[in-house]
Amino acid sequence: MVQILFVFTRTTPMNRSEWGACIVTGTTVIPIAAMLKMTGPGLLKKIPFTKFIDEDKEVEDGVVDNITKYTAVQVNIKADALTGKKKGPQANEYDDG
């Protein structure tokens, strides 16, 4: 799409070598994932991932805190208000008969 609508995206077309580099770079994940699946968890224990990623470390992030705050909001809506049905003594409130 970028190749066709370059007027709107202000991009230049890629040549064959750039296309090839993108394809090779993108597909390198596939053999690496296959090798990791075949090795099992023993090899992964030897690689020091905790130097880079520590899932147990407490991190404060304003964006995550705001998302958590707004997703925890409780909204009380009467189900009958959405359907237009009335229940109980209020049902006769607008009846003439």
N, C-alpha and C. Protein backbone atom coordinates (compact mmCIF):
# COMPACT_ATOMS: atom_id res chain seq x y z
N MET A 1 0.83 -1.18 0.00
CA MET A 1 0.00 0.00 0.00
C MET A 1 0.88 1.25 0.00
N VAL A 2 1.99 1.19 0.71
CA VAL A 2 2.89 2.34 0.75
C VAL A 2 3.52 2.55 -0.62
N GLN A 3 3.76 1.46 -1.33
CA GLN A 3 4.34 1.56 -2.66
C GLN A 3 3.39 2.25 -3.64
N ILE A 4 2.09 2.04 -3.46
CA ILE A 4 1.11 2.59 -4.40
C ILE A 4 0.69 4.00 -3.99
N LEU A 5 0.45 4.23 -2.72
CA LEU A 5 -0.04 5.52 -2.24
C LEU A 5 1.10 6.39 -1.67
N PHE A 6 2.24 6.37 -2.35
CA PHE A 6 3.40 7.10 -1.85
C PHE A 6 3.18 8.60 -1.81
N VAL A 7 2.23 9.11 -2.58
CA VAL A 7 1.93 10.55 -2.58
C VAL A 7 1.39 10.96 -1.22
N PHE A 8 0.55 10.11 -0.63
CA PHE A 8 -0.05 10.44 0.66
C PHE A 8 0.88 10.15 1.83
N THR A 9 1.69 9.11 1.71
CA THR A 9 2.57 8.72 2.82
C THR A 9 3.96 9.35 2.75
N ARG A 10 4.25 9.99 1.62
CA ARG A 10 5.54 10.66 1.41
C ARG A 10 6.71 9.70 1.62
N THR A 11 6.61 8.53 1.01
CA THR A 11 7.68 7.54 1.08
C THR A 11 8.27 7.33 -0.29
N THR A 12 9.43 6.71 -0.32
CA THR A 12 10.05 6.35 -1.60
C THR A 12 9.96 4.84 -1.77
N PRO A 13 9.81 4.37 -2.98
CA PRO A 13 9.71 2.93 -3.21
C PRO A 13 11.00 2.22 -2.81
N MET A 14 10.85 0.98 -2.33
CA MET A 14 12.02 0.18 -1.96
C MET A 14 12.52 -0.58 -3.18
N ASN A 15 13.84 -0.78 -3.23
CA ASN A 15 14.38 -1.57 -4.33
C ASN A 15 14.45 -3.04 -3.91
N ARG A 16 14.93 -3.92 -4.79
CA ARG A 16 14.93 -5.36 -4.50
C ARG A 16 15.78 -5.72 -3.29
N SER A 17 16.91 -5.08 -3.14
CA SER A 17 17.78 -5.44 -2.01
C SER A 17 17.14 -5.03 -0.68
N GLU A 18 16.42 -3.92 -0.64
CA GLU A 18 15.74 -3.51 0.58
C GLU A 18 14.59 -4.46 0.91
N TRP A 19 13.85 -4.89 -0.13
CA TRP A 19 12.80 -5.88 0.09
C TRP A 19 13.40 -7.17 0.64
N GLY A 20 14.49 -7.62 0.05
CA GLY A 20 15.14 -8.85 0.50
C GLY A 20 15.62 -8.74 1.93
N ALA A 21 16.21 -7.60 2.28
CA ALA A 21 16.70 -7.41 3.64
C ALA A 21 15.55 -7.44 4.64
N CYS A 22 14.42 -6.85 4.29
CA CYS A 22 13.25 -6.87 5.19
C CYS A 22 12.72 -8.29 5.37
N ILE A 23 12.66 -9.04 4.29
CA ILE A 23 12.14 -10.41 4.37
C ILE A 23 13.08 -11.29 5.19
N VAL A 24 14.38 -11.18 4.95
CA VAL A 24 15.34 -11.99 5.71
C VAL A 24 15.32 -11.63 7.18
N THR A 25 15.29 -10.35 7.48
CA THR A 25 15.26 -9.90 8.88
C THR A 25 13.99 -10.38 9.57
N GLY A 26 12.86 -10.29 8.89
CA GLY A 26 11.60 -10.71 9.49
C GLY A 26 11.50 -12.21 9.70
N THR A 27 12.11 -13.00 8.82
CA THR A 27 12.00 -14.45 8.94
C THR A 27 13.03 -15.07 9.88
N THR A 28 13.98 -14.31 10.37
CA THR A 28 14.97 -14.88 11.30
C THR A 28 14.33 -15.33 12.61
N VAL A 29 13.20 -14.77 12.94
CA VAL A 29 12.51 -15.15 14.17
C VAL A 29 12.04 -16.60 14.11
N ILE A 30 11.64 -17.06 12.94
CA ILE A 30 11.07 -18.41 12.81
C ILE A 30 12.08 -19.50 13.18
N PRO A 31 13.30 -19.53 12.63
CA PRO A 31 14.22 -20.59 13.05
C PRO A 31 14.69 -20.45 14.50
N ILE A 32 14.81 -19.23 14.98
CA ILE A 32 15.22 -19.04 16.38
C ILE A 32 14.14 -19.58 17.31
N ALA A 33 12.88 -19.30 17.02
CA ALA A 33 11.78 -19.81 17.84
C ALA A 33 11.73 -21.33 17.80
N ALA A 34 11.95 -21.91 16.62
CA ALA A 34 11.95 -23.37 16.50
C ALA A 34 13.08 -23.99 17.31
N MET A 35 14.27 -23.40 17.26
CA MET A 35 15.39 -23.93 18.04
C MET A 35 15.13 -23.83 19.53
N LEU A 36 14.56 -22.72 19.99
CA LEU A 36 14.26 -22.57 21.41
C LEU A 36 13.22 -23.57 21.87
N LYS A 37 12.24 -23.86 21.01
CA LYS A 37 11.22 -24.85 21.38
C LYS A 37 11.81 -26.25 21.48
N MET A 38 12.81 -26.56 20.66
CA MET A 38 13.42 -27.89 20.68
C MET A 38 14.41 -28.08 21.83
N THR A 39 15.01 -27.00 22.31
CA THR A 39 16.01 -27.14 23.36
C THR A 39 15.42 -27.40 24.73
N GLY A 40 14.24 -26.91 24.98
CA GLY A 40 13.63 -27.12 26.28
C GLY A 40 14.03 -26.05 27.27
N PRO A 41 13.52 -26.14 28.49
CA PRO A 41 13.76 -25.08 29.48
C PRO A 41 15.17 -25.09 30.07
N GLY A 42 15.93 -26.14 29.89
CA GLY A 42 17.28 -26.22 30.47
C GLY A 42 18.20 -25.14 29.94
N LEU A 43 18.17 -24.89 28.65
CA LEU A 43 19.03 -23.88 28.05
C LEU A 43 18.62 -22.48 28.48
N LEU A 44 17.32 -22.26 28.58
CA LEU A 44 16.85 -20.93 28.97
C LEU A 44 17.26 -20.57 30.39
N LYS A 45 17.43 -21.57 31.25
CA LYS A 45 17.87 -21.28 32.62
C LYS A 45 19.32 -20.80 32.66
N LYS A 46 20.11 -21.16 31.65
CA LYS A 46 21.52 -20.76 31.61
C LYS A 46 21.72 -19.35 31.07
N ILE A 47 20.72 -18.82 30.37
CA ILE A 47 20.84 -17.47 29.80
C ILE A 47 20.36 -16.46 30.84
N PRO A 48 21.18 -15.46 31.17
CA PRO A 48 20.82 -14.49 32.22
C PRO A 48 19.84 -13.42 31.74
N PHE A 49 18.58 -13.81 31.59
CA PHE A 49 17.57 -12.85 31.15
C PHE A 49 17.25 -11.82 32.21
N THR A 50 17.45 -12.16 33.47
CA THR A 50 17.05 -11.24 34.54
C THR A 50 17.88 -9.96 34.55
N LYS A 51 19.02 -9.96 33.86
CA LYS A 51 19.77 -8.72 33.74
C LYS A 51 18.98 -7.69 32.95
N PHE A 52 18.20 -8.16 31.99
CA PHE A 52 17.47 -7.27 31.11
C PHE A 52 16.01 -7.10 31.51
N ILE A 53 15.38 -8.21 31.89
CA ILE A 53 13.96 -8.19 32.23
C ILE A 53 13.77 -8.88 33.57
N ASP A 54 13.20 -8.15 34.51
CA ASP A 54 12.89 -8.73 35.82
C ASP A 54 11.40 -8.53 36.07
N GLU A 55 10.63 -9.60 35.92
CA GLU A 55 9.18 -9.51 36.06
C GLU A 55 8.75 -9.33 37.51
N ASP A 56 9.64 -9.62 38.45
CA ASP A 56 9.29 -9.47 39.85
C ASP A 56 9.55 -8.06 40.37
N LYS A 57 10.25 -7.25 39.60
CA LYS A 57 10.59 -5.89 40.03
C LYS A 57 9.36 -4.99 39.95
N GLU A 58 9.11 -4.26 41.01
CA GLU A 58 7.98 -3.33 41.07
C GLU A 58 8.35 -2.06 40.30
N VAL A 59 7.54 -1.71 39.33
CA VAL A 59 7.79 -0.53 38.51
C VAL A 59 6.56 0.36 38.55
N GLU A 60 6.78 1.65 38.70
CA GLU A 60 5.68 2.59 38.68
C GLU A 60 5.62 3.24 37.31
N ASP A 61 4.47 3.18 36.71
CA ASP A 61 4.27 3.75 35.39
C ASP A 61 2.96 4.52 35.41
N GLY A 62 3.02 5.80 35.10
CA GLY A 62 1.83 6.64 35.15
C GLY A 62 0.76 6.21 34.17
N VAL A 63 1.15 5.76 32.98
CA VAL A 63 0.18 5.35 31.98
C VAL A 63 -0.56 4.11 32.46
N VAL A 64 0.18 3.12 32.96
CA VAL A 64 -0.44 1.89 33.44
C VAL A 64 -1.32 2.18 34.65
N ASP A 65 -0.87 3.04 35.54
CA ASP A 65 -1.68 3.40 36.71
C ASP A 65 -3.00 4.05 36.29
N ASN A 66 -2.97 4.94 35.30
CA ASN A 66 -4.19 5.58 34.83
C ASN A 66 -5.13 4.59 34.17
N ILE A 67 -4.58 3.68 33.37
CA ILE A 67 -5.42 2.67 32.72
C ILE A 67 -6.07 1.79 33.78
N THR A 68 -5.30 1.40 34.78
CA THR A 68 -5.85 0.57 35.86
C THR A 68 -6.94 1.31 36.61
N LYS A 69 -6.71 2.60 36.87
CA LYS A 69 -7.69 3.39 37.61
C LYS A 69 -9.00 3.51 36.84
N TYR A 70 -8.92 3.77 35.54
CA TYR A 70 -10.14 3.97 34.76
C TYR A 70 -10.84 2.67 34.40
N THR A 71 -10.13 1.55 34.37
CA THR A 71 -10.80 0.28 34.10
C THR A 71 -11.46 -0.28 35.34
N ALA A 72 -11.10 0.22 36.51
CA ALA A 72 -11.69 -0.26 37.75
C ALA A 72 -12.92 0.54 38.16
N VAL A 73 -13.34 1.49 37.35
CA VAL A 73 -14.50 2.32 37.67
C VAL A 73 -15.76 1.46 37.63
N GLN A 74 -16.57 1.57 38.66
CA GLN A 74 -17.83 0.84 38.75
C GLN A 74 -18.96 1.75 38.28
N VAL A 75 -19.76 1.27 37.36
CA VAL A 75 -20.90 2.03 36.85
C VAL A 75 -22.16 1.27 37.21
N ASN A 76 -23.06 1.94 37.90
CA ASN A 76 -24.32 1.33 38.30
C ASN A 76 -25.43 1.80 37.38
N ILE A 77 -25.87 0.93 36.50
CA ILE A 77 -26.95 1.25 35.57
C ILE A 77 -28.05 0.22 35.80
N LYS A 78 -29.26 0.71 35.96
CA LYS A 78 -30.38 -0.20 36.10
C LYS A 78 -30.64 -0.85 34.75
N ALA A 79 -30.77 -2.15 34.74
CA ALA A 79 -30.98 -2.88 33.49
C ALA A 79 -32.30 -2.48 32.83
N ASP A 80 -33.29 -2.15 33.63
CA ASP A 80 -34.58 -1.77 33.07
C ASP A 80 -34.51 -0.42 32.35
N ALA A 81 -33.59 0.43 32.74
CA ALA A 81 -33.47 1.73 32.10
C ALA A 81 -33.00 1.57 30.65
N LEU A 82 -32.24 0.53 30.38
CA LEU A 82 -31.75 0.32 29.03
C LEU A 82 -32.81 -0.29 28.12
N THR A 83 -33.69 -1.10 28.67
CA THR A 83 -34.71 -1.77 27.85
C THR A 83 -36.00 -0.97 27.77
N GLY A 84 -36.19 -0.01 28.64
CA GLY A 84 -37.41 0.79 28.63
C GLY A 84 -38.55 0.16 29.41
N LYS A 85 -38.31 -0.97 30.04
CA LYS A 85 -39.35 -1.64 30.83
C LYS A 85 -39.43 -1.00 32.21
N LYS A 86 -40.63 -1.00 32.75
CA LYS A 86 -40.81 -0.47 34.10
C LYS A 86 -41.29 -1.60 34.99
N LYS A 87 -40.84 -1.58 36.23
CA LYS A 87 -41.23 -2.62 37.18
C LYS A 87 -41.88 -2.00 38.40
N GLY A 88 -42.66 -2.80 39.07
CA GLY A 88 -43.19 -2.42 40.37
C GLY A 88 -44.19 -1.28 40.31
N PRO A 89 -44.29 -0.51 41.42
CA PRO A 89 -45.28 0.57 41.50
C PRO A 89 -45.04 1.68 40.48
N GLN A 90 -43.86 1.82 40.01
CA GLN A 90 -43.54 2.88 39.04
C GLN A 90 -44.18 2.59 37.69
N ALA A 91 -44.54 1.34 37.42
CA ALA A 91 -45.11 0.97 36.12
C ALA A 91 -46.45 1.66 35.89
N ASN A 92 -47.20 1.91 36.93
CA ASN A 92 -48.51 2.54 36.79
C ASN A 92 -48.44 4.05 36.86
N GLU A 93 -47.30 4.59 36.97
CA GLU A 93 -47.12 6.02 37.15
C GLU A 93 -47.68 6.84 35.99
N TYR A 94 -47.55 6.34 34.76
CA TYR A 94 -48.01 7.08 33.60
C TYR A 94 -49.29 6.49 33.00
N ASP A 95 -49.82 5.44 33.60
CA ASP A 95 -51.07 4.85 33.11
C ASP A 95 -52.27 5.68 33.54
N ASP A 96 -53.24 5.83 32.65
CA ASP A 96 -54.47 6.53 32.99
C ASP A 96 -55.52 5.59 33.56
N GLY A 97 -55.35 4.31 33.34
CA GLY A 97 -56.39 3.37 33.73
C GLY A 97 -56.07 2.62 34.92
